[in-house]
């Protein structure tokens, strides 16, 4: 099956997307608007998928792969993606900054993650121990702890994690062991819930906003209170 790639953004002031390889385990599961857990620079962090590609952009080699998918369904819907693009253009910010302010604060935080050995890693003890030696002494991190799984991914184990990943001997997973988590996994996309009742002042404000939307004109509204 041909490789697929994802365009990912982060809450940083860089007006560009970053391309990641979609691993075989996630084939067919990744959609725009989902959060993913990836290696960005020298750290693991949460990004939001904004698009899918059938081939990598020219000139890019050895692309990093997505480590974990944090949603079973898109947290950012297509209309919110379009709104994020409008916000980014209008306010001269990055798309990542615009999208991340749309999601609840808890979903922006980096999940606890662990380093585990792959099947190949479990069968190549000597190679794993060689990489352990090259990364220097790490208290509590050895062949036995890696074999058990659950070695916490921290700044001190990051170099080891990258070395094991590059050799195909290790993977990074969300500590819970679940590939999909968060609010979007609990509420199906498109599910409708009864809106809360509005008091007279809230209804007046909503009516004014709806009237502007019907006219398809740009207007600013100042809302105060709940």
C-alpha atoms as a PDB file:
ATOM      1  CA  UNK A   1       0.000   0.000   0.000  1.00  0.00           C
ATOM      2  CA  UNK A   2       1.493   3.413  -0.968  1.00  0.00           C
ATOM      3  CA  UNK A   3       2.572   5.687   1.836  1.00  0.00           C
ATOM      4  CA  UNK A   4       0.388   8.580   2.883  1.00  0.00           C
ATOM      5  CA  UNK A   5       1.379  11.812   4.548  1.00  0.00           C
ATOM      6  CA  UNK A   6      -0.282  14.358   6.793  1.00  0.00           C
ATOM      7  CA  UNK A   7       0.115  18.106   7.046  1.00  0.00           C
ATOM      8  CA  UNK A   8       0.293  19.128  10.707  1.00  0.00           C
ATOM      9  CA  UNK A   9       0.289  22.514  12.471  1.00  0.00           C
ATOM     10  CA  UNK A  10       1.349  23.571  15.965  1.00  0.00           C
ATOM     11  CA  UNK A  11       0.603  26.568  18.221  1.00  0.00           C
ATOM     12  CA  UNK A  12       3.764  28.365  17.147  1.00  0.00           C
ATOM     13  CA  UNK A  13       4.197  31.599  15.097  1.00  0.00           C
ATOM     14  CA  UNK A  14       5.339  29.778  11.954  1.00  0.00           C
ATOM     15  CA  UNK A  15       3.025  30.273   8.971  1.00  0.00           C
ATOM     16  CA  UNK A  16       3.579  26.847   7.458  1.00  0.00           C
ATOM     17  CA  UNK A  17       2.501  23.245   7.777  1.00  0.00           C
ATOM     18  CA  UNK A  18       4.805  20.340   8.608  1.00  0.00           C
ATOM     19  CA  UNK A  19       4.645  17.027   6.760  1.00  0.00           C
ATOM     20  CA  UNK A  20       4.617  13.704   8.645  1.00  0.00           C
ATOM     21  CA  UNK A  21       4.461  10.137   7.416  1.00  0.00           C
ATOM     22  CA  UNK A  22       1.346   8.162   8.354  1.00  0.00           C
ATOM     23  CA  UNK A  23       2.474   4.738   9.647  1.00  0.00           C
ATOM     24  CA  UNK A  24       0.788   1.573   8.436  1.00  0.00           C
ATOM     25  CA  UNK A  25      -0.945   1.118  11.794  1.00  0.00           C
ATOM     26  CA  UNK A  26      -2.844   4.382  11.222  1.00  0.00           C
ATOM     27  CA  UNK A  27      -3.722   3.863   7.540  1.00  0.00           C
ATOM     28  CA  UNK A  28      -7.291   5.028   6.941  1.00  0.00           C
ATOM     29  CA  UNK A  29      -7.681   6.426  10.454  1.00  0.00           C
ATOM     30  CA  UNK A  30      -6.223   9.915  10.043  1.00  0.00           C
ATOM     31  CA  UNK A  31      -8.492  12.809   9.019  1.00  0.00           C
ATOM     32  CA  UNK A  32      -8.072  16.592   8.971  1.00  0.00           C
ATOM     33  CA  UNK A  33      -9.077  18.127  12.289  1.00  0.00           C
ATOM     34  CA  UNK A  34      -7.662  15.322  14.448  1.00  0.00           C
ATOM     35  CA  UNK A  35      -4.987  15.814  17.077  1.00  0.00           C
ATOM     36  CA  UNK A  36      -1.830  13.766  16.797  1.00  0.00           C
ATOM     37  CA  UNK A  37       1.237  13.226  18.975  1.00  0.00           C
ATOM     38  CA  UNK A  38       4.483  13.726  17.082  1.00  0.00           C
ATOM     39  CA  UNK A  39       8.142  14.582  17.422  1.00  0.00           C
ATOM     40  CA  UNK A  40       8.587  18.296  16.721  1.00  0.00           C
ATOM     41  CA  UNK A  41      12.164  19.459  16.923  1.00  0.00           C
ATOM     42  CA  UNK A  42      13.664  17.952  20.073  1.00  0.00           C
ATOM     43  CA  UNK A  43      10.388  17.301  21.873  1.00  0.00           C
ATOM     44  CA  UNK A  44       7.139  15.370  21.623  1.00  0.00           C
ATOM     45  CA  UNK A  45       4.057  17.534  21.323  1.00  0.00           C
ATOM     46  CA  UNK A  46       0.463  17.731  20.129  1.00  0.00           C
ATOM     47  CA  UNK A  47      -0.336  18.895  16.602  1.00  0.00           C
ATOM     48  CA  UNK A  48      -3.508  19.204  14.538  1.00  0.00           C
ATOM     49  CA  UNK A  49      -3.819  17.530  11.133  1.00  0.00           C
ATOM     50  CA  UNK A  50      -4.965  20.015   8.465  1.00  0.00           C
ATOM     51  CA  UNK A  51      -4.665  17.905   5.325  1.00  0.00           C
ATOM     52  CA  UNK A  52      -3.613  14.599   3.764  1.00  0.00           C
ATOM     53  CA  UNK A  53      -1.127  14.035   0.940  1.00  0.00           C
ATOM     54  CA  UNK A  54      -0.611  11.073  -1.400  1.00  0.00           C
ATOM     55  CA  UNK A  55       3.063  11.917  -1.797  1.00  0.00           C
ATOM     56  CA  UNK A  56       5.584  13.901   0.181  1.00  0.00           C
ATOM     57  CA  UNK A  57       6.587  17.389  -1.014  1.00  0.00           C
ATOM     58  CA  UNK A  58       9.677  17.384  -3.205  1.00  0.00           C
ATOM     59  CA  UNK A  59      12.996  17.764  -1.451  1.00  0.00           C
ATOM     60  CA  UNK A  60      11.857  16.263   1.851  1.00  0.00           C
ATOM     61  CA  UNK A  61      13.650  13.089   2.940  1.00  0.00           C
ATOM     62  CA  UNK A  62      13.413  10.852   6.006  1.00  0.00           C
ATOM     63  CA  UNK A  63      10.129  12.300   7.208  1.00  0.00           C
ATOM     64  CA  UNK A  64       9.162  11.617  10.803  1.00  0.00           C
ATOM     65  CA  UNK A  65       6.076   9.524  11.428  1.00  0.00           C
ATOM     66  CA  UNK A  66       3.024  10.233  13.547  1.00  0.00           C
ATOM     67  CA  UNK A  67       3.537   8.523  16.900  1.00  0.00           C
ATOM     68  CA  UNK A  68      -0.065   8.447  18.139  1.00  0.00           C
ATOM     69  CA  UNK A  69      -3.502   9.608  17.062  1.00  0.00           C
ATOM     70  CA  UNK A  70      -5.329  11.302  19.950  1.00  0.00           C
ATOM     71  CA  UNK A  71      -8.843  11.416  18.484  1.00  0.00           C
ATOM     72  CA  UNK A  72     -11.140   8.846  16.952  1.00  0.00           C
ATOM     73  CA  UNK A  73     -13.027  11.601  15.106  1.00  0.00           C
ATOM     74  CA  UNK A  74     -12.028  15.155  14.125  1.00  0.00           C
ATOM     75  CA  UNK A  75     -11.956  17.599  17.024  1.00  0.00           C
ATOM     76  CA  UNK A  76     -11.866  20.474  14.507  1.00  0.00           C
ATOM     77  CA  UNK A  77     -14.690  20.217  11.960  1.00  0.00           C
ATOM     78  CA  UNK A  78     -14.274  21.330   8.304  1.00  0.00           C
ATOM     79  CA  UNK A  79     -16.094  24.619   8.921  1.00  0.00           C
ATOM     80  CA  UNK A  80     -13.806  25.372  11.870  1.00  0.00           C
ATOM     81  CA  UNK A  81     -10.763  24.614   9.696  1.00  0.00           C
ATOM     82  CA  UNK A  82     -12.003  27.217   7.217  1.00  0.00           C
ATOM     83  CA  UNK A  83     -12.638  29.659  10.063  1.00  0.00           C
ATOM     84  CA  UNK A  84      -9.106  29.040  11.329  1.00  0.00           C
ATOM     85  CA  UNK A  85      -7.694  29.862   7.882  1.00  0.00           C
ATOM     86  CA  UNK A  86      -9.707  33.089   7.814  1.00  0.00           C
ATOM     87  CA  UNK A  87      -8.504  34.055  11.309  1.00  0.00           C
ATOM     88  CA  UNK A  88      -4.888  33.329  10.374  1.00  0.00           C
ATOM     89  CA  UNK A  89      -5.121  35.533   7.269  1.00  0.00           C
ATOM     90  CA  UNK A  90      -7.058  38.341   8.934  1.00  0.00           C
ATOM     91  CA  UNK A  91      -4.959  38.578  12.093  1.00  0.00           C
ATOM     92  CA  UNK A  92      -1.609  37.613  10.492  1.00  0.00           C
ATOM     93  CA  UNK A  93      -1.065  34.677  12.837  1.00  0.00           C
ATOM     94  CA  UNK A  94      -0.249  31.067  12.033  1.00  0.00           C
ATOM     95  CA  UNK A  95      -2.964  28.523  11.286  1.00  0.00           C
ATOM     96  CA  UNK A  96      -1.755  26.479  14.255  1.00  0.00           C
ATOM     97  CA  UNK A  97      -2.215  29.406  16.636  1.00  0.00           C
ATOM     98  CA  UNK A  98      -5.711  30.025  15.277  1.00  0.00           C
ATOM     99  CA  UNK A  99      -6.817  26.391  15.554  1.00  0.00           C
ATOM    100  CA  UNK A 100      -5.399  25.714  19.009  1.00  0.00           C
ATOM    101  CA  UNK A 101      -7.379  28.553  20.604  1.00  0.00           C
ATOM    102  CA  UNK A 102     -10.554  26.826  19.395  1.00  0.00           C
ATOM    103  CA  UNK A 103     -10.030  23.664  21.428  1.00  0.00           C
ATOM    104  CA  UNK A 104     -10.425  23.231  25.215  1.00  0.00           C
ATOM    105  CA  UNK A 105      -7.294  23.919  27.239  1.00  0.00           C
ATOM    106  CA  UNK A 106      -6.964  20.315  28.447  1.00  0.00           C
ATOM    107  CA  UNK A 107      -6.836  18.985  24.882  1.00  0.00           C
ATOM    108  CA  UNK A 108      -3.841  21.229  24.108  1.00  0.00           C
ATOM    109  CA  UNK A 109      -1.647  19.645  26.755  1.00  0.00           C
ATOM    110  CA  UNK A 110       0.921  17.026  25.877  1.00  0.00           C
ATOM    111  CA  UNK A 111      -0.257  13.573  27.017  1.00  0.00           C
ATOM    112  CA  UNK A 112       1.922  11.385  29.161  1.00  0.00           C
ATOM    113  CA  UNK A 113       3.806   9.105  26.852  1.00  0.00           C
ATOM    114  CA  UNK A 114       6.009   6.042  27.118  1.00  0.00           C
ATOM    115  CA  UNK A 115       8.748   4.377  25.114  1.00  0.00           C
ATOM    116  CA  UNK A 116       8.176   0.747  24.141  1.00  0.00           C
ATOM    117  CA  UNK A 117      10.137  -1.764  22.076  1.00  0.00           C
ATOM    118  CA  UNK A 118       8.780  -3.119  18.811  1.00  0.00           C
ATOM    119  CA  UNK A 119       8.737  -6.868  18.074  1.00  0.00           C
ATOM    120  CA  UNK A 120      12.026  -6.416  16.261  1.00  0.00           C
ATOM    121  CA  UNK A 121      13.417  -4.512  19.239  1.00  0.00           C
ATOM    122  CA  UNK A 122      12.477  -7.351  21.579  1.00  0.00           C
ATOM    123  CA  UNK A 123      14.391  -9.785  19.395  1.00  0.00           C
ATOM    124  CA  UNK A 124      17.546  -7.656  19.033  1.00  0.00           C
ATOM    125  CA  UNK A 125      18.834  -7.369  22.573  1.00  0.00           C
ATOM    126  CA  UNK A 126      22.410  -6.548  21.630  1.00  0.00           C
ATOM    127  CA  UNK A 127      21.425  -3.694  19.292  1.00  0.00           C
ATOM    128  CA  UNK A 128      19.122  -2.160  21.912  1.00  0.00           C
ATOM    129  CA  UNK A 129      21.852  -2.368  24.547  1.00  0.00           C
ATOM    130  CA  UNK A 130      24.312  -0.761  22.112  1.00  0.00           C
ATOM    131  CA  UNK A 131      21.969   2.191  21.631  1.00  0.00           C
ATOM    132  CA  UNK A 132      21.483   2.406  25.384  1.00  0.00           C
ATOM    133  CA  UNK A 133      25.243   2.652  25.805  1.00  0.00           C
ATOM    134  CA  UNK A 134      25.562   5.328  23.109  1.00  0.00           C
ATOM    135  CA  UNK A 135      22.933   7.486  24.826  1.00  0.00           C
ATOM    136  CA  UNK A 136      24.849   7.457  28.113  1.00  0.00           C
ATOM    137  CA  UNK A 137      23.763   6.285  31.568  1.00  0.00           C
ATOM    138  CA  UNK A 138      20.020   6.625  32.233  1.00  0.00           C
ATOM    139  CA  UNK A 139      19.029   5.650  35.752  1.00  0.00           C
ATOM    140  CA  UNK A 140      16.204   3.115  35.726  1.00  0.00           C
ATOM    141  CA  UNK A 141      16.313   2.673  31.946  1.00  0.00           C
ATOM    142  CA  UNK A 142      17.770  -0.618  30.754  1.00  0.00           C
ATOM    143  CA  UNK A 143      16.872  -3.668  28.698  1.00  0.00           C
ATOM    144  CA  UNK A 144      14.562  -5.054  31.393  1.00  0.00           C
ATOM    145  CA  UNK A 145      12.602  -1.822  31.860  1.00  0.00           C
ATOM    146  CA  UNK A 146      12.266  -1.366  28.092  1.00  0.00           C
ATOM    147  CA  UNK A 147      11.108  -4.969  27.725  1.00  0.00           C
ATOM    148  CA  UNK A 148       8.387  -4.407  30.312  1.00  0.00           C
ATOM    149  CA  UNK A 149       7.296  -1.226  28.529  1.00  0.00           C
ATOM    150  CA  UNK A 150       6.234   1.971  30.159  1.00  0.00           C
ATOM    151  CA  UNK A 151       9.574   3.811  30.261  1.00  0.00           C
ATOM    152  CA  UNK A 152       8.438   7.432  30.547  1.00  0.00           C
ATOM    153  CA  UNK A 153       9.311   9.701  27.657  1.00  0.00           C
ATOM    154  CA  UNK A 154      11.113  12.695  29.145  1.00  0.00           C
ATOM    155  CA  UNK A 155      13.832  15.095  27.948  1.00  0.00           C
ATOM    156  CA  UNK A 156      16.445  12.688  29.334  1.00  0.00           C
ATOM    157  CA  UNK A 157      15.074   9.693  27.392  1.00  0.00           C
ATOM    158  CA  UNK A 158      14.250  11.632  24.206  1.00  0.00           C
ATOM    159  CA  UNK A 159      17.581  10.863  22.501  1.00  0.00           C
ATOM    160  CA  UNK A 160      17.165   7.144  23.217  1.00  0.00           C
ATOM    161  CA  UNK A 161      13.609   7.228  21.901  1.00  0.00           C
ATOM    162  CA  UNK A 162      14.686   8.867  18.644  1.00  0.00           C
ATOM    163  CA  UNK A 163      17.549   6.379  18.216  1.00  0.00           C
ATOM    164  CA  UNK A 164      15.271   3.379  18.775  1.00  0.00           C
ATOM    165  CA  UNK A 165      12.619   4.800  16.442  1.00  0.00           C
ATOM    166  CA  UNK A 166      15.168   5.453  13.688  1.00  0.00           C
ATOM    167  CA  UNK A 167      16.367   1.847  13.947  1.00  0.00           C
ATOM    168  CA  UNK A 168      12.817   0.491  13.931  1.00  0.00           C
ATOM    169  CA  UNK A 169      13.312  -0.936  17.415  1.00  0.00           C
ATOM    170  CA  UNK A 170      11.061   1.333  19.457  1.00  0.00           C
ATOM    171  CA  UNK A 171       7.816   3.287  19.365  1.00  0.00           C
ATOM    172  CA  UNK A 172       6.323   6.109  21.397  1.00  0.00           C
ATOM    173  CA  UNK A 173       2.797   5.587  22.703  1.00  0.00           C
ATOM    174  CA  UNK A 174       0.329   7.475  24.848  1.00  0.00           C
ATOM    175  CA  UNK A 175       0.733   6.218  28.408  1.00  0.00           C
ATOM    176  CA  UNK A 176      -2.851   4.981  28.632  1.00  0.00           C
ATOM    177  CA  UNK A 177      -2.184   2.674  25.704  1.00  0.00           C
ATOM    178  CA  UNK A 178      -5.186   4.082  23.852  1.00  0.00           C
ATOM    179  CA  UNK A 179      -4.784   5.417  20.347  1.00  0.00           C
ATOM    180  CA  UNK A 180      -7.883   7.565  20.560  1.00  0.00           C
ATOM    181  CA  UNK A 181      -8.883   9.674  23.510  1.00  0.00           C
ATOM    182  CA  UNK A 182     -10.373  12.976  24.473  1.00  0.00           C
ATOM    183  CA  UNK A 183     -13.791  14.606  24.096  1.00  0.00           C
ATOM    184  CA  UNK A 184     -14.173  13.761  20.422  1.00  0.00           C
ATOM    185  CA  UNK A 185     -14.064  10.034  21.228  1.00  0.00           C
ATOM    186  CA  UNK A 186     -17.002  10.407  23.616  1.00  0.00           C
ATOM    187  CA  UNK A 187     -19.287  12.550  21.473  1.00  0.00           C
ATOM    188  CA  UNK A 188     -19.830  11.316  17.892  1.00  0.00           C
ATOM    189  CA  UNK A 189     -19.186  13.897  15.186  1.00  0.00           C
ATOM    190  CA  UNK A 190     -22.449  15.550  14.210  1.00  0.00           C
ATOM    191  CA  UNK A 191     -24.301  14.407  17.347  1.00  0.00           C
ATOM    192  CA  UNK A 192     -26.881  16.983  18.365  1.00  0.00           C
ATOM    193  CA  UNK A 193     -27.557  17.945  21.949  1.00  0.00           C
ATOM    194  CA  UNK A 194     -30.243  20.288  23.237  1.00  0.00           C
ATOM    195  CA  UNK A 195     -28.842  23.834  23.570  1.00  0.00           C
ATOM    196  CA  UNK A 196     -29.129  25.463  27.002  1.00  0.00           C
ATOM    197  CA  UNK A 197     -32.053  27.875  27.425  1.00  0.00           C
ATOM    198  CA  UNK A 198     -31.168  31.542  26.863  1.00  0.00           C
ATOM    199  CA  UNK A 199     -32.380  34.418  28.997  1.00  0.00           C
ATOM    200  CA  UNK A 200     -33.741  37.560  27.310  1.00  0.00           C
ATOM    201  CA  UNK A 201     -30.415  39.417  27.040  1.00  0.00           C
ATOM    202  CA  UNK A 202     -28.627  36.375  25.603  1.00  0.00           C
ATOM    203  CA  UNK A 203     -31.422  35.852  23.078  1.00  0.00           C
ATOM    204  CA  UNK A 204     -31.218  39.523  22.046  1.00  0.00           C
ATOM    205  CA  UNK A 205     -27.457  39.214  21.444  1.00  0.00           C
ATOM    206  CA  UNK A 206     -27.876  35.959  19.519  1.00  0.00           C
ATOM    207  CA  UNK A 207     -30.582  37.458  17.305  1.00  0.00           C
ATOM    208  CA  UNK A 208     -28.302  40.377  16.390  1.00  0.00           C
ATOM    209  CA  UNK A 209     -25.460  38.000  15.467  1.00  0.00           C
ATOM    210  CA  UNK A 210     -27.768  35.747  13.438  1.00  0.00           C
ATOM    211  CA  UNK A 211     -29.104  38.778  11.546  1.00  0.00           C
ATOM    212  CA  UNK A 212     -25.550  39.785  10.584  1.00  0.00           C
ATOM    213  CA  UNK A 213     -24.781  36.230   9.446  1.00  0.00           C
ATOM    214  CA  UNK A 214     -27.929  36.175   7.309  1.00  0.00           C
ATOM    215  CA  UNK A 215     -26.799  39.410   5.636  1.00  0.00           C
ATOM    216  CA  UNK A 216     -23.341  37.846   5.051  1.00  0.00           C
ATOM    217  CA  UNK A 217     -21.619  41.009   6.201  1.00  0.00           C
ATOM    218  CA  UNK A 218     -18.606  41.395   8.455  1.00  0.00           C
ATOM    219  CA  UNK A 219     -19.460  43.016  11.801  1.00  0.00           C
ATOM    220  CA  UNK A 220     -17.843  43.129  15.216  1.00  0.00           C
ATOM    221  CA  UNK A 221     -19.765  42.345  18.400  1.00  0.00           C
ATOM    222  CA  UNK A 222     -18.754  42.997  21.995  1.00  0.00           C
ATOM    223  CA  UNK A 223     -20.242  40.491  24.423  1.00  0.00           C
ATOM    224  CA  UNK A 224     -20.042  40.984  28.155  1.00  0.00           C
ATOM    225  CA  UNK A 225     -21.000  38.489  30.846  1.00  0.00           C
ATOM    226  CA  UNK A 226     -22.064  34.848  30.488  1.00  0.00           C
END
